[in-house]
Amino acid sequence: MDTLQLGPFALPLDRLPGIAALFALLLVGALVSRDRPRLRAWSTEAALLGLLSARLAFVALHWPAYEDHPLSVLYIWQGGFNALAGAAAVLPYTFWRLRPDPDSLLRAGIPLVAAALAFAAGMAAALGLKPAERPVPDLTLSTLDGREDSLRGHLGQPLIINLWATWCPPCRREMPMLVDLAAEREDVTVLLVNQGESAQQIRQFLDEVGLDGNAIRLDPRNRTSETLQVTAYPTTLIYDAGGNLVVRQAGEVSRAAMEQGIVAAQRAGE
């Protein structure tokens, strides 16, 4: 399982630890600060500061992936946070904000510990629910012009497999970036494996948005999703040169996350 289904929404498992930590900080902070306005304000401020710092640190570390499209810094639904940077910002801020009130400063330790425990529990849950790692499947798909293409025939360098469908809004949003990545990187193979749709449907979508279809592969029977136990689209899998899974991410993916995954795949294959 890559996601937790919350009604009509799907929460990627890699977002679970951070969300659990923020929720715990706000909830426990509200409980311990009923009679202390300064402490109540601190818990909200600390949550926002931690979120902002974690995001900005990730962006700073991967700025080349954002500089051509700086507005994508705001696309927080794509993920991309540095938890350590968030914690590093919250702790000194807590001391500075609450130092005039030693009792509130002491009480602040309760929601901070709760947030740390919630983060750890979220990590454990995400790891426990994560599907078993599987190598590149031994499947032969087809290109838009009808040529057969074996997935395992692309081993020898990092391989990215993105599972998508034209009816999926996040898939449509990330598609231009993935098509550009496929065209720009000769040291990585990017295959955009459509699930369950016809060549005509895919061509119509590509014509509407003005995208090249060289990286598109057809899987009308959803064999790739079934083999890899993918339950939500889009899902992106990054393999090293030997076909071993390095990164698996459900949900819309950013260029920064792709570049980070490629580096991890290259290191894993050394």
C-alpha atoms as a PDB file:
ATOM      1  CA  MET A   1       0.000   0.000   0.000  1.00  0.00           C
ATOM      2  CA  ASP A   2       1.413   3.384  -1.080  1.00  0.00           C
ATOM      3  CA  THR A   3      -1.336   5.573   0.344  1.00  0.00           C
ATOM      4  CA  LEU A   4      -3.879   5.875   3.118  1.00  0.00           C
ATOM      5  CA  GLN A   5      -7.390   6.408   1.752  1.00  0.00           C
ATOM      6  CA  LEU A   6      -9.230   9.179   3.592  1.00  0.00           C
ATOM      7  CA  GLY A   7     -12.608   9.201   1.883  1.00  0.00           C
ATOM      8  CA  PRO A   8     -11.998  10.572  -1.618  1.00  0.00           C
ATOM      9  CA  PHE A   9      -8.450  11.619  -0.718  1.00  0.00           C
ATOM     10  CA  ALA A  10      -5.279   9.551  -0.814  1.00  0.00           C
ATOM     11  CA  LEU A  11      -2.466  10.412   1.599  1.00  0.00           C
ATOM     12  CA  PRO A  12       0.976   9.235   0.437  1.00  0.00           C
ATOM     13  CA  LEU A  13       2.632   7.296   3.228  1.00  0.00           C
ATOM     14  CA  ASP A  14       5.790   9.408   3.107  1.00  0.00           C
ATOM     15  CA  ARG A  15       3.738  12.424   4.272  1.00  0.00           C
ATOM     16  CA  LEU A  16       2.366  10.585   7.314  1.00  0.00           C
ATOM     17  CA  PRO A  17       5.226  11.261   9.801  1.00  0.00           C
ATOM     18  CA  GLY A  18       5.253  15.016   9.214  1.00  0.00           C
ATOM     19  CA  ILE A  19       1.480  15.358   9.371  1.00  0.00           C
ATOM     20  CA  ALA A  20       1.350  13.277  12.558  1.00  0.00           C
ATOM     21  CA  ALA A  21       4.031  15.452  14.172  1.00  0.00           C
ATOM     22  CA  LEU A  22       2.258  18.721  13.291  1.00  0.00           C
ATOM     23  CA  PHE A  23      -1.083  17.392  14.511  1.00  0.00           C
ATOM     24  CA  ALA A  24       0.439  16.234  17.802  1.00  0.00           C
ATOM     25  CA  LEU A  25       2.206  19.555  18.341  1.00  0.00           C
ATOM     26  CA  LEU A  26      -1.007  21.531  17.797  1.00  0.00           C
ATOM     27  CA  LEU A  27      -3.292  19.193  19.746  1.00  0.00           C
ATOM     28  CA  VAL A  28      -1.075  18.681  22.797  1.00  0.00           C
ATOM     29  CA  GLY A  29      -0.036  22.316  22.671  1.00  0.00           C
ATOM     30  CA  ALA A  30      -3.706  23.334  22.937  1.00  0.00           C
ATOM     31  CA  LEU A  31      -4.262  20.970  25.868  1.00  0.00           C
ATOM     32  CA  VAL A  32      -1.345  22.233  27.972  1.00  0.00           C
ATOM     33  CA  SER A  33      -1.875  25.936  27.236  1.00  0.00           C
ATOM     34  CA  ARG A  34      -5.499  26.516  28.203  1.00  0.00           C
ATOM     35  CA  ASP A  35      -4.635  29.169  30.774  1.00  0.00           C
ATOM     36  CA  ARG A  36      -1.502  30.493  29.078  1.00  0.00           C
ATOM     37  CA  PRO A  37      -2.058  32.669  25.958  1.00  0.00           C
ATOM     38  CA  ARG A  38       1.664  32.919  25.218  1.00  0.00           C
ATOM     39  CA  LEU A  39       2.031  29.144  25.186  1.00  0.00           C
ATOM     40  CA  ARG A  40      -1.116  28.749  23.062  1.00  0.00           C
ATOM     41  CA  ALA A  41       0.249  31.191  20.488  1.00  0.00           C
ATOM     42  CA  TRP A  42       3.641  29.470  20.549  1.00  0.00           C
ATOM     43  CA  SER A  43       2.274  26.057  19.520  1.00  0.00           C
ATOM     44  CA  THR A  44       0.647  27.476  16.381  1.00  0.00           C
ATOM     45  CA  GLU A  45       3.684  29.596  15.554  1.00  0.00           C
ATOM     46  CA  ALA A  46       6.042  26.660  16.113  1.00  0.00           C
ATOM     47  CA  ALA A  47       4.019  24.424  13.787  1.00  0.00           C
ATOM     48  CA  LEU A  48       4.034  27.049  11.029  1.00  0.00           C
ATOM     49  CA  LEU A  49       7.716  27.816  11.533  1.00  0.00           C
ATOM     50  CA  GLY A  50       8.642  24.140  11.440  1.00  0.00           C
ATOM     51  CA  LEU A  51       6.656  23.592   8.242  1.00  0.00           C
ATOM     52  CA  LEU A  52       8.113  26.667   6.547  1.00  0.00           C
ATOM     53  CA  SER A  53      11.690  25.926   7.618  1.00  0.00           C
ATOM     54  CA  ALA A  54      11.460  22.306   6.501  1.00  0.00           C
ATOM     55  CA  ARG A  55      10.184  23.402   3.098  1.00  0.00           C
ATOM     56  CA  LEU A  56      12.703  26.192   2.576  1.00  0.00           C
ATOM     57  CA  ALA A  57      15.604  23.946   3.578  1.00  0.00           C
ATOM     58  CA  PHE A  58      14.544  21.328   1.022  1.00  0.00           C
ATOM     59  CA  VAL A  59      14.179  23.984  -1.676  1.00  0.00           C
ATOM     60  CA  ALA A  60      17.587  25.467  -0.851  1.00  0.00           C
ATOM     61  CA  LEU A  61      19.243  22.055  -1.074  1.00  0.00           C
ATOM     62  CA  HIS A  62      17.599  21.398  -4.463  1.00  0.00           C
ATOM     63  CA  TRP A  63      17.409  24.917  -5.866  1.00  0.00           C
ATOM     64  CA  PRO A  64      18.554  24.009  -9.428  1.00  0.00           C
ATOM     65  CA  ALA A  65      15.351  21.992  -9.786  1.00  0.00           C
ATOM     66  CA  TYR A  66      13.260  25.058  -8.873  1.00  0.00           C
ATOM     67  CA  GLU A  67      15.065  27.999 -10.464  1.00  0.00           C
ATOM     68  CA  ASP A  68      13.412  27.619 -13.887  1.00  0.00           C
ATOM     69  CA  HIS A  69       9.958  27.463 -12.278  1.00  0.00           C
ATOM     70  CA  PRO A  70      10.220  29.359  -8.963  1.00  0.00           C
ATOM     71  CA  LEU A  71       6.469  29.268  -8.341  1.00  0.00           C
ATOM     72  CA  SER A  72       6.774  25.502  -7.891  1.00  0.00           C
ATOM     73  CA  VAL A  73       8.298  26.282  -4.484  1.00  0.00           C
ATOM     74  CA  LEU A  74       4.679  26.806  -3.402  1.00  0.00           C
ATOM     75  CA  TYR A  75       3.558  23.356  -4.590  1.00  0.00           C
ATOM     76  CA  ILE A  76       3.786  21.788  -1.148  1.00  0.00           C
ATOM     77  CA  TRP A  77       1.351  19.013  -2.139  1.00  0.00           C
ATOM     78  CA  GLN A  78       4.256  17.517  -4.123  1.00  0.00           C
ATOM     79  CA  GLY A  79       6.148  16.888  -0.902  1.00  0.00           C
ATOM     80  CA  GLY A  80       9.707  17.994  -0.316  1.00  0.00           C
ATOM     81  CA  PHE A  81      10.474  18.834   3.321  1.00  0.00           C
ATOM     82  CA  ASN A  82      13.555  18.536   5.490  1.00  0.00           C
ATOM     83  CA  ALA A  83      12.341  17.395   8.907  1.00  0.00           C
ATOM     84  CA  LEU A  84      15.693  18.003  10.593  1.00  0.00           C
ATOM     85  CA  ALA A  85      15.704  21.632   9.460  1.00  0.00           C
ATOM     86  CA  GLY A  86      12.165  22.082  10.771  1.00  0.00           C
ATOM     87  CA  ALA A  87      13.113  20.765  14.197  1.00  0.00           C
ATOM     88  CA  ALA A  88      16.297  22.850  14.218  1.00  0.00           C
ATOM     89  CA  ALA A  89      14.242  26.010  13.701  1.00  0.00           C
ATOM     90  CA  VAL A  90      11.548  25.205  16.269  1.00  0.00           C
ATOM     91  CA  LEU A  91      13.806  24.480  19.231  1.00  0.00           C
ATOM     92  CA  PRO A  92      15.668  27.837  19.438  1.00  0.00           C
ATOM     93  CA  TYR A  93      12.460  29.676  18.599  1.00  0.00           C
ATOM     94  CA  THR A  94      10.763  27.953  21.530  1.00  0.00           C
ATOM     95  CA  PHE A  95      13.458  29.117  23.934  1.00  0.00           C
ATOM     96  CA  TRP A  96      13.375  32.674  22.575  1.00  0.00           C
ATOM     97  CA  ARG A  97       9.562  32.915  22.552  1.00  0.00           C
ATOM     98  CA  LEU A  98       8.954  31.466  26.010  1.00  0.00           C
ATOM     99  CA  ARG A  99      12.042  32.540  27.938  1.00  0.00           C
ATOM    100  CA  PRO A 100      10.139  35.279  29.883  1.00  0.00           C
ATOM    101  CA  ASP A 101       7.857  32.540  31.262  1.00  0.00           C
ATOM    102  CA  PRO A 102       9.938  29.613  32.586  1.00  0.00           C
ATOM    103  CA  ASP A 103       6.861  27.558  33.467  1.00  0.00           C
ATOM    104  CA  SER A 104       5.490  27.834  29.918  1.00  0.00           C
ATOM    105  CA  LEU A 105       8.929  26.975  28.578  1.00  0.00           C
ATOM    106  CA  LEU A 106       8.910  23.835  30.695  1.00  0.00           C
ATOM    107  CA  ARG A 107       5.390  22.943  29.594  1.00  0.00           C
ATOM    108  CA  ALA A 108       6.361  23.375  25.939  1.00  0.00           C
ATOM    109  CA  GLY A 109       8.480  20.263  26.298  1.00  0.00           C
ATOM    110  CA  ILE A 110       5.300  18.150  26.468  1.00  0.00           C
ATOM    111  CA  PRO A 111       3.983  18.974  22.956  1.00  0.00           C
ATOM    112  CA  LEU A 112       7.528  18.848  21.567  1.00  0.00           C
ATOM    113  CA  VAL A 113       8.016  15.336  22.916  1.00  0.00           C
ATOM    114  CA  ALA A 114       4.556  14.381  21.665  1.00  0.00           C
ATOM    115  CA  ALA A 115       5.471  15.659  18.190  1.00  0.00           C
ATOM    116  CA  ALA A 116       8.710  13.671  18.202  1.00  0.00           C
ATOM    117  CA  LEU A 117       6.898  10.507  19.271  1.00  0.00           C
ATOM    118  CA  ALA A 118       4.186  11.064  16.652  1.00  0.00           C
ATOM    119  CA  PHE A 119       6.846  11.494  13.968  1.00  0.00           C
ATOM    120  CA  ALA A 120       8.518   8.250  15.030  1.00  0.00           C
ATOM    121  CA  ALA A 121       5.164   6.432  15.078  1.00  0.00           C
ATOM    122  CA  GLY A 122       4.357   7.804  11.628  1.00  0.00           C
ATOM    123  CA  MET A 123       7.696   6.564  10.310  1.00  0.00           C
ATOM    124  CA  ALA A 124       7.075   3.121  11.782  1.00  0.00           C
ATOM    125  CA  ALA A 125       3.569   2.977  10.302  1.00  0.00           C
ATOM    126  CA  ALA A 126       4.789   4.107   6.884  1.00  0.00           C
ATOM    127  CA  LEU A 127       7.509   1.459   6.882  1.00  0.00           C
ATOM    128  CA  GLY A 128       5.094  -1.210   8.072  1.00  0.00           C
ATOM    129  CA  LEU A 129       2.523  -0.421   5.376  1.00  0.00           C
ATOM    130  CA  LYS A 130       5.058   0.027   2.600  1.00  0.00           C
ATOM    131  CA  PRO A 131       4.724  -2.621  -0.140  1.00  0.00           C
ATOM    132  CA  ALA A 132       7.491  -5.175  -0.481  1.00  0.00           C
ATOM    133  CA  GLU A 133      10.318  -3.971  -2.699  1.00  0.00           C
ATOM    134  CA  ARG A 134      10.185  -5.593  -6.106  1.00  0.00           C
ATOM    135  CA  PRO A 135      12.744  -5.422  -8.925  1.00  0.00           C
ATOM    136  CA  VAL A 136      11.939  -4.089 -12.383  1.00  0.00           C
ATOM    137  CA  PRO A 137       9.116  -6.349 -13.590  1.00  0.00           C
ATOM    138  CA  ASP A 138       9.694  -8.688 -16.513  1.00  0.00           C
ATOM    139  CA  LEU A 139       6.998  -7.124 -18.683  1.00  0.00           C
ATOM    140  CA  THR A 140       6.879  -6.161 -22.337  1.00  0.00           C
ATOM    141  CA  LEU A 141       4.776  -3.103 -23.124  1.00  0.00           C
ATOM    142  CA  SER A 142       4.286  -1.136 -26.322  1.00  0.00           C
ATOM    143  CA  THR A 143       5.051   2.355 -27.547  1.00  0.00           C
ATOM    144  CA  LEU A 144       2.478   4.654 -29.103  1.00  0.00           C
ATOM    145  CA  ASP A 145       3.607   3.588 -32.571  1.00  0.00           C
ATOM    146  CA  GLY A 146       3.150  -0.101 -31.737  1.00  0.00           C
ATOM    147  CA  ARG A 147       6.730  -1.210 -31.054  1.00  0.00           C
ATOM    148  CA  GLU A 148       7.328  -3.712 -28.240  1.00  0.00           C
ATOM    149  CA  ASP A 149       9.509  -2.564 -25.364  1.00  0.00           C
ATOM    150  CA  SER A 150      10.759  -4.723 -22.485  1.00  0.00           C
ATOM    151  CA  LEU A 151      11.073  -2.932 -19.151  1.00  0.00           C
ATOM    152  CA  ARG A 152      14.069  -5.023 -18.162  1.00  0.00           C
ATOM    153  CA  GLY A 153      15.686  -4.163 -21.477  1.00  0.00           C
ATOM    154  CA  HIS A 154      16.430  -0.727 -20.032  1.00  0.00           C
ATOM    155  CA  LEU A 155      18.679  -2.015 -17.248  1.00  0.00           C
ATOM    156  CA  GLY A 156      22.244  -0.774 -17.235  1.00  0.00           C
ATOM    157  CA  GLN A 157      21.442   2.745 -16.048  1.00  0.00           C
ATOM    158  CA  PRO A 158      18.911   4.223 -13.618  1.00  0.00           C
ATOM    159  CA  LEU A 159      15.309   3.636 -14.667  1.00  0.00           C
ATOM    160  CA  ILE A 160      12.259   5.692 -13.726  1.00  0.00           C
ATOM    161  CA  ILE A 161       8.803   4.163 -14.141  1.00  0.00           C
ATOM    162  CA  ASN A 162       5.869   6.510 -13.671  1.00  0.00           C
ATOM    163  CA  LEU A 163       2.385   4.975 -13.593  1.00  0.00           C
ATOM    164  CA  TRP A 164      -0.323   7.366 -14.703  1.00  0.00           C
ATOM    165  CA  ALA A 165      -3.673   7.883 -16.448  1.00  0.00           C
ATOM    166  CA  THR A 166      -5.168  10.788 -18.382  1.00  0.00           C
ATOM    167  CA  TRP A 167      -8.169  11.043 -16.000  1.00  0.00           C
ATOM    168  CA  CYS A 168      -5.859  11.670 -13.018  1.00  0.00           C
ATOM    169  CA  PRO A 169      -5.365  15.440 -12.309  1.00  0.00           C
ATOM    170  CA  PRO A 170      -2.007  15.065 -10.474  1.00  0.00           C
ATOM    171  CA  CYS A 171      -0.748  12.898 -13.348  1.00  0.00           C
ATOM    172  CA  ARG A 172      -1.661  15.592 -15.836  1.00  0.00           C
ATOM    173  CA  ARG A 173       0.057  18.291 -13.756  1.00  0.00           C
ATOM    174  CA  GLU A 174       3.363  16.441 -13.437  1.00  0.00           C
ATOM    175  CA  MET A 175       3.438  15.123 -17.016  1.00  0.00           C
ATOM    176  CA  PRO A 176       5.173  18.147 -18.653  1.00  0.00           C
ATOM    177  CA  MET A 177       8.009  17.964 -16.126  1.00  0.00           C
ATOM    178  CA  LEU A 178       8.438  14.220 -16.637  1.00  0.00           C
ATOM    179  CA  VAL A 179       8.420  14.549 -20.434  1.00  0.00           C
ATOM    180  CA  ASP A 180      11.092  17.255 -20.173  1.00  0.00           C
ATOM    181  CA  LEU A 181      13.139  15.071 -17.832  1.00  0.00           C
ATOM    182  CA  ALA A 182      12.941  12.149 -20.265  1.00  0.00           C
ATOM    183  CA  ALA A 183      14.174  14.360 -23.096  1.00  0.00           C
ATOM    184  CA  GLU A 184      16.957  16.058 -21.139  1.00  0.00           C
ATOM    185  CA  ARG A 185      18.612  13.165 -19.287  1.00  0.00           C
ATOM    186  CA  GLU A 186      20.549  10.688 -21.400  1.00  0.00           C
ATOM    187  CA  ASP A 187      22.002   8.971 -18.329  1.00  0.00           C
ATOM    188  CA  VAL A 188      18.545   7.957 -17.062  1.00  0.00           C
ATOM    189  CA  THR A 189      15.647   6.169 -18.754  1.00  0.00           C
ATOM    190  CA  VAL A 190      12.211   7.618 -18.021  1.00  0.00           C
ATOM    191  CA  LEU A 191       9.167   5.528 -18.974  1.00  0.00           C
ATOM    192  CA  LEU A 192       5.682   6.964 -18.485  1.00  0.00           C
ATOM    193  CA  VAL A 193       3.553   3.827 -18.320  1.00  0.00           C
ATOM    194  CA  ASN A 194      -0.109   4.579 -18.891  1.00  0.00           C
ATOM    195  CA  GLN A 195      -2.526   2.319 -17.076  1.00  0.00           C
ATOM    196  CA  GLY A 196      -5.703   1.009 -18.670  1.00  0.00           C
ATOM    197  CA  GLU A 197      -6.184   3.419 -21.573  1.00  0.00           C
ATOM    198  CA  SER A 198      -6.012   3.167 -25.342  1.00  0.00           C
ATOM    199  CA  ALA A 199      -3.433   4.713 -27.649  1.00  0.00           C
ATOM    200  CA  GLN A 200      -6.162   6.977 -29.031  1.00  0.00           C
ATOM    201  CA  GLN A 201      -7.018   8.364 -25.597  1.00  0.00           C
ATOM    202  CA  ILE A 202      -3.353   9.003 -24.833  1.00  0.00           C
ATOM    203  CA  ARG A 203      -2.672  10.691 -28.185  1.00  0.00           C
ATOM    204  CA  GLN A 204      -5.667  12.957 -27.680  1.00  0.00           C
ATOM    205  CA  PHE A 205      -4.334  14.015 -24.269  1.00  0.00           C
ATOM    206  CA  LEU A 206      -0.823  14.621 -25.615  1.00  0.00           C
ATOM    207  CA  ASP A 207      -2.215  16.705 -28.486  1.00  0.00           C
ATOM    208  CA  GLU A 208      -4.298  18.784 -26.075  1.00  0.00           C
ATOM    209  CA  VAL A 209      -1.317  19.668 -23.890  1.00  0.00           C
ATOM    210  CA  GLY A 210       1.316  19.714 -26.633  1.00  0.00           C
ATOM    211  CA  LEU A 211       3.596  17.004 -25.281  1.00  0.00           C
ATOM    212  CA  ASP A 212       5.890  14.527 -26.998  1.00  0.00           C
ATOM    213  CA  GLY A 213       5.024  10.854 -26.612  1.00  0.00           C
ATOM    214  CA  ASN A 214       8.441   9.205 -26.943  1.00  0.00           C
ATOM    215  CA  ALA A 215       8.565   8.227 -23.266  1.00  0.00           C
ATOM    216  CA  ILE A 216       4.983   6.913 -23.170  1.00  0.00           C
ATOM    217  CA  ARG A 217       4.368   3.187 -22.807  1.00  0.00           C
ATOM    218  CA  LEU A 218       0.971   1.479 -23.028  1.00  0.00           C
ATOM    219  CA  ASP A 219      -0.299  -1.003 -20.463  1.00  0.00           C
ATOM    220  CA  PRO A 220      -4.028  -1.380 -21.219  1.00  0.00           C
ATOM    221  CA  ARG A 221      -4.438  -4.322 -18.823  1.00  0.00           C
ATOM    222  CA  ASN A 222      -2.750  -2.613 -15.823  1.00  0.00           C
ATOM    223  CA  ARG A 223      -0.181  -5.404 -15.539  1.00  0.00           C
ATOM    224  CA  THR A 224       2.495  -3.049 -14.209  1.00  0.00           C
ATOM    225  CA  SER A 225       0.271  -1.804 -11.379  1.00  0.00           C
ATOM    226  CA  GLU A 226      -0.731  -5.344 -10.449  1.00  0.00           C
ATOM    227  CA  THR A 227       2.852  -6.622 -10.476  1.00  0.00           C
ATOM    228  CA  LEU A 228       4.172  -3.706  -8.419  1.00  0.00           C
ATOM    229  CA  GLN A 229       1.115  -3.519  -6.108  1.00  0.00           C
ATOM    230  CA  VAL A 230       0.345   0.078  -7.019  1.00  0.00           C
ATOM    231  CA  THR A 231      -3.083   1.236  -5.869  1.00  0.00           C
ATOM    232  CA  ALA A 232      -3.004   4.982  -6.573  1.00  0.00           C
ATOM    233  CA  TYR A 233      -1.903   7.197  -9.448  1.00  0.00           C
ATOM    234  CA  PRO A 234       0.463   8.728 -10.066  1.00  0.00           C
ATOM    235  CA  THR A 235       3.121   6.521  -8.549  1.00  0.00           C
ATOM    236  CA  THR A 236       6.780   6.881  -9.434  1.00  0.00           C
ATOM    237  CA  LEU A 237       9.423   4.187  -8.964  1.00  0.00           C
ATOM    238  CA  ILE A 238      13.145   4.766  -9.405  1.00  0.00           C
ATOM    239  CA  TYR A 239      15.508   1.820  -9.902  1.00  0.00           C
ATOM    240  CA  ASP A 240      19.271   1.586  -9.962  1.00  0.00           C
ATOM    241  CA  ALA A 241      21.180   0.210 -12.946  1.00  0.00           C
ATOM    242  CA  GLY A 242      20.728  -3.346 -11.684  1.00  0.00           C
ATOM    243  CA  GLY A 243      16.953  -3.052 -11.471  1.00  0.00           C
ATOM    244  CA  ASN A 244      16.743  -2.705  -7.669  1.00  0.00           C
ATOM    245  CA  LEU A 245      14.104  -0.356  -6.301  1.00  0.00           C
ATOM    246  CA  VAL A 246      15.589   2.767  -4.701  1.00  0.00           C
ATOM    247  CA  VAL A 247      12.660   5.195  -4.453  1.00  0.00           C
ATOM    248  CA  ARG A 248       8.909   4.647  -4.486  1.00  0.00           C
ATOM    249  CA  GLN A 249       6.655   7.691  -4.253  1.00  0.00           C
ATOM    250  CA  ALA A 250       2.889   7.866  -4.533  1.00  0.00           C
ATOM    251  CA  GLY A 251       1.304  11.151  -5.504  1.00  0.00           C
ATOM    252  CA  GLU A 252       2.447  14.078  -7.599  1.00  0.00           C
ATOM    253  CA  VAL A 253       6.220  14.310  -7.741  1.00  0.00           C
ATOM    254  CA  SER A 254       8.450  17.381  -8.080  1.00  0.00           C
ATOM    255  CA  ARG A 255      11.499  17.846 -10.271  1.00  0.00           C
ATOM    256  CA  ALA A 256      13.580  18.202  -7.110  1.00  0.00           C
ATOM    257  CA  ALA A 257      12.383  14.832  -5.800  1.00  0.00           C
ATOM    258  CA  MET A 258      13.167  13.244  -9.155  1.00  0.00           C
ATOM    259  CA  GLU A 259      16.688  14.641  -9.194  1.00  0.00           C
ATOM    260  CA  GLN A 260      17.210  13.494  -5.611  1.00  0.00           C
ATOM    261  CA  GLY A 261      15.987  10.012  -6.530  1.00  0.00           C
ATOM    262  CA  ILE A 262      18.250   9.836  -9.581  1.00  0.00           C
ATOM    263  CA  VAL A 263      21.291  10.658  -7.438  1.00  0.00           C
ATOM    264  CA  ALA A 264      20.270   7.940  -4.963  1.00  0.00           C
ATOM    265  CA  ALA A 265      19.881   5.426  -7.805  1.00  0.00           C
ATOM    266  CA  GLN A 266      23.270   6.329  -9.240  1.00  0.00           C
ATOM    267  CA  ARG A 267      24.957   5.906  -5.874  1.00  0.00           C
ATOM    268  CA  ALA A 268      23.166   2.607  -5.251  1.00  0.00           C
ATOM    269  CA  GLY A 269      24.424   1.263  -8.552  1.00  0.00           C
ATOM    270  CA  GLU A 270      28.067   2.119  -7.922  1.00  0.00           C
END
